[in-house]
Amino acid sequence: MARIPVLMIVPPLVFGAFGFMAWMGLGREGANELESVFEGRPAPAMTDVALSGYPAITPADLAAGEVTLVNFWASWCPPCRAEHPELKRLGDSGVRLVGVNFKDQEKTAKTYLENDGNPFAAVAFDPAGRTAIDWGVTAPPETFILDGSGTVVFKFVGPLVGTDYEQRFVPALEKALAAEE
């Protein structure tokens, strides 16, 4: 009877163990949700540099006494372009929006807003991405819902389109708006 060397058994066992752990992780409750360390806390500091020709975001903008969406975007970002019509619709419906343009060129960002419309009450300019780091933004677009006191009540990673937007963001926004009344 041939003996199988231990070194031939160990790699498949290790691979199998890692596969099992990954499978268990995918099946856990809330596997598709990203937790935000900012929820329930005051909004982080915001750059006071505005996109040229647009109002800067002030601390008063973040604690304006009404629900405010803070949207991190860039003109080079295809998902940001996909969500732009929804941002305009939200702004037109009376939802207060401020935008943070980051890791972008000022000229292309301005051209984008001039051509596609500006849904924002104020637009910060963060070319180095420092403010985005302070807010925990990993990639655009990301949108934060702030209550009237400037507390982060929800963070949404990704474009404001599709079923994830409809099933998670819209209810969170409706809840924040209802709490404001």
Protein backbone atom coordinates (compact mmCIF):
# COMPACT_ATOMS: atom_id res chain seq x y z
CA MET A 1 0.00 0.00 0.00
CA ALA A 2 1.44 3.35 -1.06
CA ARG A 3 1.79 6.02 1.54
CA ILE A 4 0.69 9.59 0.63
CA PRO A 5 3.21 12.21 1.75
CA VAL A 6 1.86 14.73 4.29
CA LEU A 7 3.03 17.64 2.13
CA MET A 8 0.57 16.57 -0.57
CA ILE A 9 -2.39 16.59 1.83
CA VAL A 10 -1.74 19.91 3.61
CA PRO A 11 -2.23 22.34 0.65
CA PRO A 12 -5.67 20.98 -0.35
CA LEU A 13 -6.76 21.03 3.30
CA VAL A 14 -5.60 24.65 3.74
CA PHE A 15 -7.29 25.66 0.47
CA GLY A 16 -10.49 23.92 1.53
CA ALA A 17 -10.45 25.66 4.92
CA PHE A 18 -10.07 29.08 3.28
CA GLY A 19 -12.85 28.28 0.81
CA PHE A 20 -15.16 27.23 3.64
CA MET A 21 -14.44 30.44 5.59
CA ALA A 22 -15.15 32.56 2.50
CA TRP A 23 -18.40 30.70 1.84
CA MET A 24 -19.49 31.23 5.47
CA GLY A 25 -18.62 34.94 5.25
CA LEU A 26 -20.74 35.42 2.15
CA GLY A 27 -23.69 33.74 3.82
CA ARG A 28 -23.64 35.88 6.97
CA GLU A 29 -26.39 38.39 7.66
CA GLY A 30 -25.62 41.86 6.27
CA ALA A 31 -22.80 40.62 4.02
CA ASN A 32 -23.63 43.28 1.39
CA GLU A 33 -23.67 46.21 3.82
CA LEU A 34 -20.70 48.41 4.58
CA GLU A 35 -20.68 49.76 8.10
CA SER A 36 -19.82 53.40 8.51
CA VAL A 37 -17.92 54.57 11.56
CA PHE A 38 -19.41 58.03 10.94
CA GLU A 39 -23.08 57.15 11.39
CA GLY A 40 -24.41 58.74 14.55
CA ARG A 41 -21.47 61.16 14.76
CA PRO A 42 -21.06 64.80 13.69
CA ALA A 43 -19.94 65.23 10.10
CA PRO A 44 -16.15 65.40 9.73
CA ALA A 45 -14.43 68.66 8.83
CA MET A 46 -14.89 69.96 5.29
CA THR A 47 -12.40 71.80 3.11
CA ASP A 48 -13.21 75.50 2.79
CA VAL A 49 -11.90 75.58 -0.78
CA ALA A 50 -14.70 75.93 -3.31
CA LEU A 51 -14.79 74.86 -6.92
CA SER A 52 -14.10 78.14 -8.72
CA GLY A 53 -17.33 79.99 -9.44
CA TYR A 54 -19.39 78.04 -6.90
CA PRO A 55 -20.11 78.70 -3.21
CA ALA A 56 -17.88 76.92 -0.69
CA ILE A 57 -19.33 74.47 1.82
CA THR A 58 -19.39 76.06 5.26
CA PRO A 59 -19.93 74.40 8.65
CA ALA A 60 -23.39 76.00 8.59
CA ASP A 61 -24.13 74.10 5.36
CA LEU A 62 -23.54 70.81 7.16
CA ALA A 63 -25.75 71.73 10.13
CA ALA A 64 -28.32 73.75 8.22
CA GLY A 65 -31.33 72.73 10.28
CA GLU A 66 -32.52 70.47 7.48
CA VAL A 67 -31.52 67.15 5.97
CA THR A 68 -28.51 67.60 3.70
CA LEU A 69 -26.89 65.17 1.27
CA VAL A 70 -23.11 65.39 0.92
CA ASN A 71 -22.12 63.82 -2.41
CA PHE A 72 -18.48 63.05 -3.28
CA TRP A 73 -18.08 63.02 -7.06
CA ALA A 74 -15.65 63.51 -9.94
CA SER A 75 -16.13 64.41 -13.59
CA TRP A 76 -13.97 61.43 -14.70
CA CYS A 77 -16.17 58.96 -12.78
CA PRO A 78 -18.71 57.04 -14.95
CA PRO A 79 -20.92 56.03 -11.97
CA CYS A 80 -21.02 59.72 -10.93
CA ARG A 81 -22.29 60.60 -14.38
CA ALA A 82 -24.88 57.81 -14.14
CA GLU A 83 -26.26 59.19 -10.85
CA HIS A 84 -26.21 62.86 -11.93
CA PRO A 85 -29.80 62.91 -13.27
CA GLU A 86 -31.00 61.49 -9.93
CA LEU A 87 -29.07 64.17 -8.03
CA LYS A 88 -30.75 66.81 -10.17
CA ARG A 89 -34.15 65.22 -9.53
CA LEU A 90 -33.51 65.16 -5.76
CA GLY A 91 -32.41 68.79 -5.83
CA ASP A 92 -35.45 69.79 -7.88
CA SER A 93 -37.70 68.03 -5.35
CA GLY A 94 -36.31 70.19 -2.55
CA VAL A 95 -33.67 67.90 -1.04
CA ARG A 96 -30.64 69.96 -0.03
CA LEU A 97 -27.40 68.79 -1.70
CA VAL A 98 -23.80 69.84 -1.36
CA GLY A 99 -21.08 68.36 -3.52
CA VAL A 100 -17.43 67.59 -2.97
CA ASN A 101 -15.47 67.32 -6.20
CA PHE A 102 -12.34 65.32 -5.50
CA LYS A 103 -9.23 64.09 -7.29
CA ASP A 104 -10.33 66.03 -10.34
CA GLN A 105 -9.17 68.86 -12.57
CA GLU A 106 -10.95 72.13 -11.81
CA LYS A 107 -11.59 72.97 -15.46
CA THR A 108 -13.18 69.60 -16.30
CA ALA A 109 -15.28 69.65 -13.12
CA LYS A 110 -16.62 73.12 -13.95
CA THR A 111 -17.32 72.13 -17.56
CA TYR A 112 -19.18 69.05 -16.37
CA LEU A 113 -21.48 71.06 -14.09
CA GLU A 114 -22.00 73.73 -16.75
CA ASN A 115 -22.96 71.15 -19.39
CA ASP A 116 -24.95 68.67 -17.27
CA GLY A 117 -26.42 71.04 -14.67
CA ASN A 118 -25.53 71.80 -11.08
CA PRO A 119 -27.73 70.14 -8.45
CA PHE A 120 -25.60 71.44 -5.55
CA ALA A 121 -26.18 74.39 -3.20
CA ALA A 122 -22.40 74.53 -2.68
CA VAL A 123 -19.41 72.70 -4.18
CA ALA A 124 -16.14 72.02 -2.37
CA PHE A 125 -12.98 71.31 -4.36
CA ASP A 126 -10.70 68.60 -2.99
CA PRO A 127 -8.09 67.87 -5.69
CA ALA A 128 -5.75 65.94 -3.38
CA GLY A 129 -8.57 63.95 -1.77
CA ARG A 130 -7.75 65.04 1.80
CA THR A 131 -11.38 65.78 2.73
CA ALA A 132 -12.44 62.49 1.15
CA ILE A 133 -9.96 60.69 3.42
CA ASP A 134 -11.36 62.49 6.48
CA TRP A 135 -14.86 61.35 5.49
CA GLY A 136 -13.74 57.75 4.85
CA VAL A 137 -14.50 57.91 1.13
CA THR A 138 -12.84 55.14 -0.83
CA ALA A 139 -14.03 55.87 -4.38
CA PRO A 140 -16.65 58.10 -5.97
CA PRO A 141 -19.52 58.37 -5.82
CA GLU A 142 -20.35 58.22 -2.14
CA THR A 143 -23.24 60.06 -0.52
CA PHE A 144 -23.85 60.88 3.13
CA ILE A 145 -27.21 61.83 4.64
CA LEU A 146 -26.86 64.40 7.42
CA ASP A 147 -29.68 65.35 9.76
CA GLY A 148 -30.42 69.01 10.53
CA SER A 149 -27.79 69.13 13.28
CA GLY A 150 -25.04 67.87 10.95
CA THR A 151 -24.96 64.32 12.27
CA VAL A 152 -24.27 61.56 9.73
CA VAL A 153 -27.30 59.29 9.69
CA PHE A 154 -26.44 57.19 6.62
CA LYS A 155 -23.57 56.54 4.21
CA PHE A 156 -24.19 55.13 0.74
CA VAL A 157 -21.33 53.80 -1.37
CA GLY A 158 -21.98 53.77 -5.11
CA PRO A 159 -24.19 55.60 -7.57
CA LEU A 160 -27.70 56.69 -6.66
CA VAL A 161 -29.29 54.39 -9.24
CA GLY A 162 -30.63 50.84 -9.32
CA THR A 163 -32.15 48.49 -6.79
CA ASP A 164 -29.52 49.02 -4.06
CA TYR A 165 -30.30 52.74 -4.18
CA GLU A 166 -34.05 52.07 -4.10
CA GLN A 167 -33.89 49.47 -1.32
CA ARG A 168 -31.35 51.11 1.01
CA PHE A 169 -30.79 54.80 0.24
CA VAL A 170 -34.35 55.92 -0.50
CA PRO A 171 -35.77 54.46 2.76
CA ALA A 172 -32.90 56.02 4.76
CA LEU A 173 -33.54 59.40 3.12
CA GLU A 174 -37.30 59.13 3.71
CA LYS A 175 -36.66 58.25 7.37
CA ALA A 176 -34.33 61.25 7.78
CA LEU A 177 -36.82 63.59 6.11
CA ALA A 178 -39.70 62.26 8.24
CA ALA A 179 -37.65 62.79 11.43
CA GLU A 180 -37.09 66.40 10.36
CA GLU A 181 -40.80 67.21 10.29
